Amino acid sequence: MFSAVLAGPRVTVHLVRRLFAALLEAAEAVPRIAGALDDVRATLRHLERLLAYVAEELPDLADQVEQIRARVDSMEEASKGSVPPAVTPASRRSG
């Protein structure tokens, strides 16, 4: 009978202890969350700088690719007249 009377307060104390432990864990997690958010912000800033650099360099890269393509096309046209000898597994190596 006596244990039935103390069951209510015992459950209440147990629930209060669990609540207090959960609050402590949450409070301990706040600095880790803040640190993770700082890392995310730093990463986003770095990505923003990289994207700005890529956006500035893209037109130059496109021009360079076009120049290389023009050179390759002119080399292909120049080599159409002369056919290089076929390379076979029995061919001598020059290197």
PDB file of N, CA and C in Angstrom:
ATOM      1  N   MET A   1       0.820  -1.183   0.000  1.00  0.00           N
ATOM      2  CA  MET A   1       0.000   0.000   0.000  1.00  0.00           C
ATOM      3  C   MET A   1       0.869   1.253   0.000  1.00  0.00           C
ATOM      4  N   PHE A   2       1.928   1.198   0.832  1.00  0.00           N
ATOM      5  CA  PHE A   2       2.811   2.357   0.950  1.00  0.00           C
ATOM      6  C   PHE A   2       3.527   2.642  -0.384  1.00  0.00           C
ATOM      7  N   SER A   3       3.928   1.583  -1.132  1.00  0.00           N
ATOM      8  CA  SER A   3       4.605   1.772  -2.413  1.00  0.00           C
ATOM      9  C   SER A   3       3.666   2.370  -3.450  1.00  0.00           C
ATOM     10  N   ALA A   4       2.377   2.064  -3.362  1.00  0.00           N
ATOM     11  CA  ALA A   4       1.406   2.628  -4.290  1.00  0.00           C
ATOM     12  C   ALA A   4       1.256   4.122  -4.056  1.00  0.00           C
ATOM     13  N   VAL A   5       1.377   4.559  -2.828  1.00  0.00           N
ATOM     14  CA  VAL A   5       1.265   5.979  -2.491  1.00  0.00           C
ATOM     15  C   VAL A   5       2.469   6.746  -3.029  1.00  0.00           C
ATOM     16  N   LEU A   6       3.665   6.135  -2.974  1.00  0.00           N
ATOM     17  CA  LEU A   6       4.882   6.809  -3.428  1.00  0.00           C
ATOM     18  C   LEU A   6       5.119   6.669  -4.926  1.00  0.00           C
ATOM     19  N   ALA A   7       4.319   5.899  -5.625  1.00  0.00           N
ATOM     20  CA  ALA A   7       4.516   5.678  -7.057  1.00  0.00           C
ATOM     21  C   ALA A   7       4.355   6.978  -7.845  1.00  0.00           C
ATOM     22  N   GLY A   8       3.388   7.778  -7.503  1.00  0.00           N
ATOM     23  CA  GLY A   8       3.158   9.037  -8.217  1.00  0.00           C
ATOM     24  C   GLY A   8       4.330   9.994  -8.097  1.00  0.00           C
ATOM     25  N   PRO A   9       4.776  10.297  -6.888  1.00  0.00           N
ATOM     26  CA  PRO A   9       5.927  11.199  -6.753  1.00  0.00           C
ATOM     27  C   PRO A   9       7.210  10.602  -7.357  1.00  0.00           C
ATOM     28  N   ARG A  10       7.385   9.285  -7.265  1.00  0.00           N
ATOM     29  CA  ARG A  10       8.578   8.647  -7.823  1.00  0.00           C
ATOM     30  C   ARG A  10       8.596   8.819  -9.345  1.00  0.00           C
ATOM     31  N   VAL A  11       7.468   8.627  -9.990  1.00  0.00           N
ATOM     32  CA  VAL A  11       7.379   8.816 -11.448  1.00  0.00           C
ATOM     33  C   VAL A  11       7.630  10.279 -11.802  1.00  0.00           C
ATOM     34  N   THR A  12       7.084  11.182 -11.002  1.00  0.00           N
ATOM     35  CA  THR A  12       7.283  12.612 -11.258  1.00  0.00           C
ATOM     36  C   THR A  12       8.757  12.981 -11.148  1.00  0.00           C
ATOM     37  N   VAL A  13       9.418  12.486 -10.108  1.00  0.00           N
ATOM     38  CA  VAL A  13      10.846  12.775  -9.940  1.00  0.00           C
ATOM     39  C   VAL A  13      11.640  12.203 -11.106  1.00  0.00           C
ATOM     40  N   HIS A  14      11.298  10.986 -11.517  1.00  0.00           N
ATOM     41  CA  HIS A  14      11.998  10.365 -12.643  1.00  0.00           C
ATOM     42  C   HIS A  14      11.827  11.197 -13.914  1.00  0.00           C
ATOM     43  N   LEU A  15      10.599  11.648 -14.188  1.00  0.00           N
ATOM     44  CA  LEU A  15      10.350  12.464 -15.380  1.00  0.00           C
ATOM     45  C   LEU A  15      11.082  13.798 -15.311  1.00  0.00           C
ATOM     46  N   VAL A  16      11.135  14.414 -14.128  1.00  0.00           N
ATOM     47  CA  VAL A  16      11.847  15.687 -13.970  1.00  0.00           C
ATOM     48  C   VAL A  16      13.342  15.484 -14.217  1.00  0.00           C
ATOM     49  N   ARG A  17      13.902  14.384 -13.702  1.00  0.00           N
ATOM     50  CA  ARG A  17      15.326  14.096 -13.938  1.00  0.00           C
ATOM     51  C   ARG A  17      15.609  13.901 -15.423  1.00  0.00           C
ATOM     52  N   ARG A  18      14.721  13.158 -16.111  1.00  0.00           N
ATOM     53  CA  ARG A  18      14.920  12.950 -17.554  1.00  0.00           C
ATOM     54  C   ARG A  18      14.822  14.261 -18.322  1.00  0.00           C
ATOM     55  N   LEU A  19      13.878  15.111 -17.927  1.00  0.00           N
ATOM     56  CA  LEU A  19      13.729  16.410 -18.568  1.00  0.00           C
ATOM     57  C   LEU A  19      14.973  17.262 -18.344  1.00  0.00           C
ATOM     58  N   PHE A  20      15.482  17.270 -17.129  1.00  0.00           N
ATOM     59  CA  PHE A  20      16.681  18.036 -16.809  1.00  0.00           C
ATOM     60  C   PHE A  20      17.886  17.520 -17.608  1.00  0.00           C
ATOM     61  N   ALA A  21      18.025  16.206 -17.728  1.00  0.00           N
ATOM     62  CA  ALA A  21      19.129  15.623 -18.505  1.00  0.00           C
ATOM     63  C   ALA A  21      19.011  16.000 -19.984  1.00  0.00           C
ATOM     64  N   ALA A  22      17.790  15.985 -20.503  1.00  0.00           N
ATOM     65  CA  ALA A  22      17.589  16.365 -21.904  1.00  0.00           C
ATOM     66  C   ALA A  22      17.919  17.833 -22.126  1.00  0.00           C
ATOM     67  N   LEU A  23      17.544  18.684 -21.176  1.00  0.00           N
ATOM     68  CA  LEU A  23      17.866  20.110 -21.285  1.00  0.00           C
ATOM     69  C   LEU A  23      19.374  20.341 -21.240  1.00  0.00           C
ATOM     70  N   LEU A  24      20.085  19.593 -20.382  1.00  0.00           N
ATOM     71  CA  LEU A  24      21.545  19.714 -20.337  1.00  0.00           C
ATOM     72  C   LEU A  24      22.182  19.287 -21.644  1.00  0.00           C
ATOM     73  N   GLU A  25      21.709  18.177 -22.219  1.00  0.00           N
ATOM     74  CA  GLU A  25      22.256  17.727 -23.503  1.00  0.00           C
ATOM     75  C   GLU A  25      22.001  18.760 -24.592  1.00  0.00           C
ATOM     76  N   ALA A  26      20.819  19.349 -24.595  1.00  0.00           N
ATOM     77  CA  ALA A  26      20.498  20.376 -25.589  1.00  0.00           C
ATOM     78  C   ALA A  26      21.400  21.596 -25.405  1.00  0.00           C
ATOM     79  N   ALA A  27      21.629  21.982 -24.146  1.00  0.00           N
ATOM     80  CA  ALA A  27      22.486  23.142 -23.880  1.00  0.00           C
ATOM     81  C   ALA A  27      23.932  22.856 -24.292  1.00  0.00           C
ATOM     82  N   GLU A  28      24.388  21.614 -24.101  1.00  0.00           N
ATOM     83  CA  GLU A  28      25.744  21.266 -24.512  1.00  0.00           C
ATOM     84  C   GLU A  28      25.880  21.206 -26.026  1.00  0.00           C
ATOM     85  N   ALA A  29      24.790  20.949 -26.724  1.00  0.00           N
ATOM     86  CA  ALA A  29      24.832  20.841 -28.180  1.00  0.00           C
ATOM     87  C   ALA A  29      24.860  22.211 -28.862  1.00  0.00           C
ATOM     88  N   VAL A  30      24.417  23.243 -28.181  1.00  0.00           N
ATOM     89  CA  VAL A  30      24.331  24.573 -28.799  1.00  0.00           C
ATOM     90  C   VAL A  30      25.689  25.068 -29.306  1.00  0.00           C
ATOM     91  N   PRO A  31      26.783  24.984 -28.556  1.00  0.00           N
ATOM     92  CA  PRO A  31      28.062  25.445 -29.098  1.00  0.00           C
ATOM     93  C   PRO A  31      28.521  24.632 -30.317  1.00  0.00           C
ATOM     94  N   ARG A  32      28.245  23.326 -30.315  1.00  0.00           N
ATOM     95  CA  ARG A  32      28.626  22.515 -31.477  1.00  0.00           C
ATOM     96  C   ARG A  32      27.819  22.919 -32.703  1.00  0.00           C
ATOM     97  N   ILE A  33      26.544  23.200 -32.502  1.00  0.00           N
ATOM     98  CA  ILE A  33      25.707  23.646 -33.620  1.00  0.00           C
ATOM     99  C   ILE A  33      26.188  24.989 -34.137  1.00  0.00           C
ATOM    100  N   ALA A  34      26.529  25.891 -33.227  1.00  0.00           N
ATOM    101  CA  ALA A  34      27.031  27.212 -33.641  1.00  0.00           C
ATOM    102  C   ALA A  34      28.341  27.065 -34.413  1.00  0.00           C
ATOM    103  N   GLY A  35      29.224  26.187 -33.957  1.00  0.00           N
ATOM    104  CA  GLY A  35      30.477  25.956 -34.674  1.00  0.00           C
ATOM    105  C   GLY A  35      30.240  25.383 -36.059  1.00  0.00           C
ATOM    106  N   ALA A  36      29.301  24.461 -36.159  1.00  0.00           N
ATOM    107  CA  ALA A  36      28.974  23.882 -37.469  1.00  0.00           C
ATOM    108  C   ALA A  36      28.394  24.940 -38.399  1.00  0.00           C
ATOM    109  N   LEU A  37      27.553  25.825 -37.864  1.00  0.00           N
ATOM    110  CA  LEU A  37      27.002  26.903 -38.695  1.00  0.00           C
ATOM    111  C   LEU A  37      28.091  27.860 -39.156  1.00  0.00           C
ATOM    112  N   ASP A  38      29.064  28.146 -38.302  1.00  0.00           N
ATOM    113  CA  ASP A  38      30.191  28.988 -38.716  1.00  0.00           C
ATOM    114  C   ASP A  38      30.979  28.331 -39.845  1.00  0.00           C
ATOM    115  N   ASP A  39      31.182  27.023 -39.743  1.00  0.00           N
ATOM    116  CA  ASP A  39      31.873  26.301 -40.814  1.00  0.00           C
ATOM    117  C   ASP A  39      31.088  26.358 -42.116  1.00  0.00           C
ATOM    118  N   VAL A  40      29.775  26.217 -42.023  1.00  0.00           N
ATOM    119  CA  VAL A  40      28.933  26.283 -43.219  1.00  0.00           C
ATOM    120  C   VAL A  40      29.002  27.674 -43.840  1.00  0.00           C
ATOM    121  N   ARG A  41      28.966  28.703 -43.006  1.00  0.00           N
ATOM    122  CA  ARG A  41      29.061  30.076 -43.527  1.00  0.00           C
ATOM    123  C   ARG A  41      30.404  30.313 -44.211  1.00  0.00           C
ATOM    124  N   ALA A  42      31.484  29.835 -43.602  1.00  0.00           N
ATOM    125  CA  ALA A  42      32.807  29.999 -44.205  1.00  0.00           C
ATOM    126  C   ALA A  42      32.889  29.259 -45.538  1.00  0.00           C
ATOM    127  N   THR A  43      32.306  28.077 -45.592  1.00  0.00           N
ATOM    128  CA  THR A  43      32.303  27.315 -46.842  1.00  0.00           C
ATOM    129  C   THR A  43      31.503  28.031 -47.912  1.00  0.00           C
ATOM    130  N   LEU A  44      30.376  28.593 -47.538  1.00  0.00           N
ATOM    131  CA  LEU A  44      29.568  29.333 -48.513  1.00  0.00           C
ATOM    132  C   LEU A  44      30.301  30.567 -49.025  1.00  0.00           C
ATOM    133  N   ARG A  45      31.010  31.264 -48.122  1.00  0.00           N
ATOM    134  CA  ARG A  45      31.793  32.422 -48.567  1.00  0.00           C
ATOM    135  C   ARG A  45      32.883  31.995 -49.557  1.00  0.00           C
ATOM    136  N   HIS A  46      33.536  30.887 -49.252  1.00  0.00           N
ATOM    137  CA  HIS A  46      34.588  30.383 -50.139  1.00  0.00           C
ATOM    138  C   HIS A  46      34.001  29.988 -51.502  1.00  0.00           C
ATOM    139  N   LEU A  47      32.852  29.322 -51.487  1.00  0.00           N
ATOM    140  CA  LEU A  47      32.196  28.956 -52.745  1.00  0.00           C
ATOM    141  C   LEU A  47      31.798  30.191 -53.545  1.00  0.00           C
ATOM    142  N   GLU A  48      31.353  31.216 -52.842  1.00  0.00           N
ATOM    143  CA  GLU A  48      30.977  32.448 -53.529  1.00  0.00           C
ATOM    144  C   GLU A  48      32.193  33.070 -54.226  1.00  0.00           C
ATOM    145  N   ARG A  49      33.341  33.068 -53.533  1.00  0.00           N
ATOM    146  CA  ARG A  49      34.563  33.603 -54.157  1.00  0.00           C
ATOM    147  C   ARG A  49      34.985  32.763 -55.359  1.00  0.00           C
ATOM    148  N   LEU A  50      34.889  31.436 -55.222  1.00  0.00           N
ATOM    149  CA  LEU A  50      35.255  30.561 -56.340  1.00  0.00           C
ATOM    150  C   LEU A  50      34.331  30.772 -57.537  1.00  0.00           C
ATOM    151  N   LEU A  51      33.038  30.904 -57.272  1.00  0.00           N
ATOM    152  CA  LEU A  51      32.094  31.123 -58.364  1.00  0.00           C
ATOM    153  C   LEU A  51      32.325  32.464 -59.044  1.00  0.00           C
ATOM    154  N   ALA A  52      32.668  33.479 -58.279  1.00  0.00           N
ATOM    155  CA  ALA A  52      32.978  34.780 -58.876  1.00  0.00           C
ATOM    156  C   ALA A  52      34.212  34.673 -59.760  1.00  0.00           C
ATOM    157  N   TYR A  53      35.224  33.940 -59.313  1.00  0.00           N
ATOM    158  CA  TYR A  53      36.433  33.746 -60.115  1.00  0.00           C
ATOM    159  C   TYR A  53      36.113  33.000 -61.407  1.00  0.00           C
ATOM    160  N   VAL A  54      35.317  31.946 -61.289  1.00  0.00           N
ATOM    161  CA  VAL A  54      34.959  31.164 -62.480  1.00  0.00           C
ATOM    162  C   VAL A  54      34.159  32.032 -63.446  1.00  0.00           C
ATOM    163  N   ALA A  55      33.256  32.838 -62.927  1.00  0.00           N
ATOM    164  CA  ALA A  55      32.454  33.702 -63.795  1.00  0.00           C
ATOM    165  C   ALA A  55      33.325  34.710 -64.525  1.00  0.00           C
ATOM    166  N   GLU A  56      34.389  35.183 -63.887  1.00  0.00           N
ATOM    167  CA  GLU A  56      35.296  36.121 -64.545  1.00  0.00           C
ATOM    168  C   GLU A  56      36.155  35.420 -65.597  1.00  0.00           C
ATOM    169  N   GLU A  57      36.561  34.194 -65.327  1.00  0.00           N
ATOM    170  CA  GLU A  57      37.480  33.483 -66.207  1.00  0.00           C
ATOM    171  C   GLU A  57      36.783  32.758 -67.352  1.00  0.00           C
ATOM    172  N   LEU A  58      35.501  32.508 -67.250  1.00  0.00           N
ATOM    173  CA  LEU A  58      34.799  31.727 -68.265  1.00  0.00           C
ATOM    174  C   LEU A  58      34.888  32.328 -69.667  1.00  0.00           C
ATOM    175  N   PRO A  59      34.678  33.622 -69.855  1.00  0.00           N
ATOM    176  CA  PRO A  59      34.802  34.162 -71.216  1.00  0.00           C
ATOM    177  C   PRO A  59      36.210  33.965 -71.789  1.00  0.00           C
ATOM    178  N   ASP A  60      37.242  34.145 -70.973  1.00  0.00           N
ATOM    179  CA  ASP A  60      38.605  33.935 -71.454  1.00  0.00           C
ATOM    180  C   ASP A  60      38.834  32.483 -71.834  1.00  0.00           C
ATOM    181  N   LEU A  61      38.322  31.582 -71.042  1.00  0.00           N
ATOM    182  CA  LEU A  61      38.472  30.161 -71.348  1.00  0.00           C
ATOM    183  C   LEU A  61      37.747  29.801 -72.637  1.00  0.00           C
ATOM    184  N   ALA A  62      36.578  30.367 -72.850  1.00  0.00           N
ATOM    185  CA  ALA A  62      35.840  30.099 -74.085  1.00  0.00           C
ATOM    186  C   ALA A  62      36.634  30.592 -75.294  1.00  0.00           C
ATOM    187  N   ASP A  63      37.238  31.772 -75.180  1.00  0.00           N
ATOM    188  CA  ASP A  63      38.060  32.281 -76.276  1.00  0.00           C
ATOM    189  C   ASP A  63      39.256  31.371 -76.533  1.00  0.00           C
ATOM    190  N   GLN A  64      39.906  30.899 -75.479  1.00  0.00           N
ATOM    191  CA  GLN A  64      41.051  30.015 -75.644  1.00  0.00           C
ATOM    192  C   GLN A  64      40.647  28.700 -76.296  1.00  0.00           C
ATOM    193  N   VAL A  65      39.496  28.173 -75.912  1.00  0.00           N
ATOM    194  CA  VAL A  65      39.020  26.930 -76.530  1.00  0.00           C
ATOM    195  C   VAL A  65      38.753  27.149 -78.011  1.00  0.00           C
ATOM    196  N   GLU A  66      38.171  28.271 -78.367  1.00  0.00           N
ATOM    197  CA  GLU A  66      37.923  28.570 -79.779  1.00  0.00           C
ATOM    198  C   GLU A  66      39.237  28.691 -80.555  1.00  0.00           C
ATOM    199  N   GLN A  67      40.247  29.301 -79.958  1.00  0.00           N
ATOM    200  CA  GLN A  67      41.555  29.402 -80.625  1.00  0.00           C
ATOM    201  C   GLN A  67      42.169  28.024 -80.822  1.00  0.00           C
ATOM    202  N   ILE A  68      42.077  27.186 -79.819  1.00  0.00           N
ATOM    203  CA  ILE A  68      42.620  25.829 -79.942  1.00  0.00           C
ATOM    204  C   ILE A  68      41.854  25.053 -81.004  1.00  0.00           C
ATOM    205  N   ARG A  69      40.536  25.196 -81.024  1.00  0.00           N
ATOM    206  CA  ARG A  69      39.731  24.511 -82.035  1.00  0.00           C
ATOM    207  C   ARG A  69      40.125  24.979 -83.439  1.00  0.00           C
ATOM    208  N   ALA A  70      40.350  26.275 -83.602  1.00  0.00           N
ATOM    209  CA  ALA A  70      40.753  26.790 -84.914  1.00  0.00           C
ATOM    210  C   ALA A  70      42.115  26.211 -85.316  1.00  0.00           C
ATOM    211  N   ARG A  71      43.057  26.119 -84.369  1.00  0.00           N
ATOM    212  CA  ARG A  71      44.365  25.531 -84.680  1.00  0.00           C
ATOM    213  C   ARG A  71      44.239  24.069 -85.072  1.00  0.00           C
ATOM    214  N   VAL A  72      43.439  23.321 -84.342  1.00  0.00           N
ATOM    215  CA  VAL A  72      43.261  21.896 -84.654  1.00  0.00           C
ATOM    216  C   VAL A  72      42.615  21.739 -86.022  1.00  0.00           C
ATOM    217  N   ASP A  73      41.618  22.562 -86.313  1.00  0.00           N
ATOM    218  CA  ASP A  73      40.973  22.491 -87.628  1.00  0.00           C
ATOM    219  C   ASP A  73      41.969  22.795 -88.740  1.00  0.00           C
ATOM    220  N   SER A  74      42.810  23.808 -88.532  1.00  0.00           N
ATOM    221  CA  SER A  74      43.791  24.136 -89.575  1.00  0.00           C
ATOM    222  C   SER A  74      44.834  23.031 -89.711  1.00  0.00           C
ATOM    223  N   MET A  75      45.208  22.389 -88.605  1.00  0.00           N
ATOM    224  CA  MET A  75      46.152  21.274 -88.682  1.00  0.00           C
ATOM    225  C   MET A  75      45.527  20.077 -89.392  1.00  0.00           C
ATOM    226  N   GLU A  76      44.242  19.839 -89.157  1.00  0.00           N
ATOM    227  CA  GLU A  76      43.562  18.740 -89.839  1.00  0.00           C
ATOM    228  C   GLU A  76      43.484  18.991 -91.332  1.00  0.00           C
ATOM    229  N   GLU A  77      43.184  20.218 -91.712  1.00  0.00           N
ATOM    230  CA  GLU A  77      43.107  20.549 -93.135  1.00  0.00           C
ATOM    231  C   GLU A  77      44.475  20.416 -93.792  1.00  0.00           C
ATOM    232  N   ALA A  78      45.534  20.804 -93.076  1.00  0.00           N
ATOM    233  CA  ALA A  78      46.879  20.702 -93.646  1.00  0.00           C
ATOM    234  C   ALA A  78      47.317  19.249 -93.772  1.00  0.00           C
ATOM    235  N   SER A  79      46.845  18.397 -92.873  1.00  0.00           N
ATOM    236  CA  SER A  79      47.287  17.005 -92.914  1.00  0.00           C
ATOM    237  C   SER A  79      46.404  16.128 -93.789  1.00  0.00           C
ATOM    238  N   LYS A  80      45.329  16.655 -94.359  1.00  0.00           N
ATOM    239  CA  LYS A  80      44.459  15.849 -95.217  1.00  0.00           C
ATOM    240  C   LYS A  80      45.195  15.403 -96.479  1.00  0.00           C
ATOM    241  N   GLY A  81      46.080  16.202 -96.953  1.00  0.00           N
ATOM    242  CA  GLY A  81      46.813  15.860 -98.169  1.00  0.00           C
ATOM    243  C   GLY A  81      47.829  14.750 -97.948  1.00  0.00           C
ATOM    244  N   SER A  82      48.453  14.706 -96.810  1.00  0.00           N
ATOM    245  CA  SER A  82      49.469  13.684 -96.543  1.00  0.00           C
ATOM    246  C   SER A  82      48.926  12.693 -95.529  1.00  0.00           C
ATOM    247  N   VAL A  83      49.020  11.408 -95.860  1.00  0.00           N
ATOM    248  CA  VAL A  83      48.522  10.357 -94.980  1.00  0.00           C
ATOM    249  C   VAL A  83      49.713   9.782 -94.226  1.00  0.00           C
ATOM    250  N   PRO A  84      49.712   9.798 -92.930  1.00  0.00           N
ATOM    251  CA  PRO A  84      50.844   9.250 -92.173  1.00  0.00           C
ATOM    252  C   PRO A  84      50.872   7.719 -92.284  1.00  0.00           C
ATOM    253  N   PRO A  85      52.047   7.120 -92.124  1.00  0.00           N
ATOM    254  CA  PRO A  85      52.129   5.672 -92.213  1.00  0.00           C
ATOM    255  C   PRO A  85      51.358   5.017 -91.061  1.00  0.00           C
ATOM    256  N   ALA A  86      50.819   3.851 -91.340  1.00  0.00           N
ATOM    257  CA  ALA A  86      50.030   3.155 -90.326  1.00  0.00           C
ATOM    258  C   ALA A  86      50.931   2.633 -89.213  1.00  0.00           C
ATOM    259  N   VAL A  87      50.449   2.711 -87.990  1.00  0.00           N
ATOM    260  CA  VAL A  87      51.196   2.213 -86.847  1.00  0.00           C
ATOM    261  C   VAL A  87      50.665   0.823 -86.520  1.00  0.00           C
ATOM    262  N   THR A  88      51.563  -0.150 -86.471  1.00  0.00           N
ATOM    263  CA  THR A  88      51.173  -1.519 -86.153  1.00  0.00           C
ATOM    264  C   THR A  88      51.920  -1.961 -84.907  1.00  0.00           C
ATOM    265  N   PRO A  89      51.503  -3.057 -84.298  1.00  0.00           N
ATOM    266  CA  PRO A  89      52.240  -3.551 -83.127  1.00  0.00           C
ATOM    267  C   PRO A  89      53.679  -3.918 -83.458  1.00  0.00           C
ATOM    268  N   ALA A  90      53.964  -4.246 -84.733  1.00  0.00           N
ATOM    269  CA  ALA A  90      55.333  -4.609 -85.115  1.00  0.00           C
ATOM    270  C   ALA A  90      56.192  -3.403 -85.453  1.00  0.00           C
ATOM    271  N   SER A  91      55.591  -2.196 -85.448  1.00  0.00           N
ATOM    272  CA  SER A  91      56.373  -1.002 -85.775  1.00  0.00           C
ATOM    273  C   SER A  91      57.425  -0.745 -84.718  1.00  0.00           C
ATOM    274  N   ARG A  92      58.554  -0.141 -85.165  1.00  0.00           N
ATOM    275  CA  ARG A  92      59.610   0.197 -84.223  1.00  0.00           C
ATOM    276  C   ARG A  92      59.195   1.386 -83.386  1.00  0.00           C
ATOM    277  N   ARG A  93      59.636   1.363 -82.151  1.00  0.00           N
ATOM    278  CA  ARG A  93      59.336   2.483 -81.250  1.00  0.00           C
ATOM    279  C   ARG A  93      60.445   3.518 -81.363  1.00  0.00           C
ATOM    280  N   SER A  94      60.018   4.780 -81.295  1.00  0.00           N
ATOM    281  CA  SER A  94      61.020   5.842 -81.419  1.00  0.00           C
ATOM    282  C   SER A  94      61.323   6.505 -80.086  1.00  0.00           C
ATOM    283  N   GLY A  95      60.731   6.049 -79.038  1.00  0.00           N
ATOM    284  CA  GLY A  95      60.915   6.738 -77.769  1.00  0.00           C
ATOM    285  C   GLY A  95      61.432   5.918 -76.747  1.00  0.00           C
TER     286      GLY A  95
END
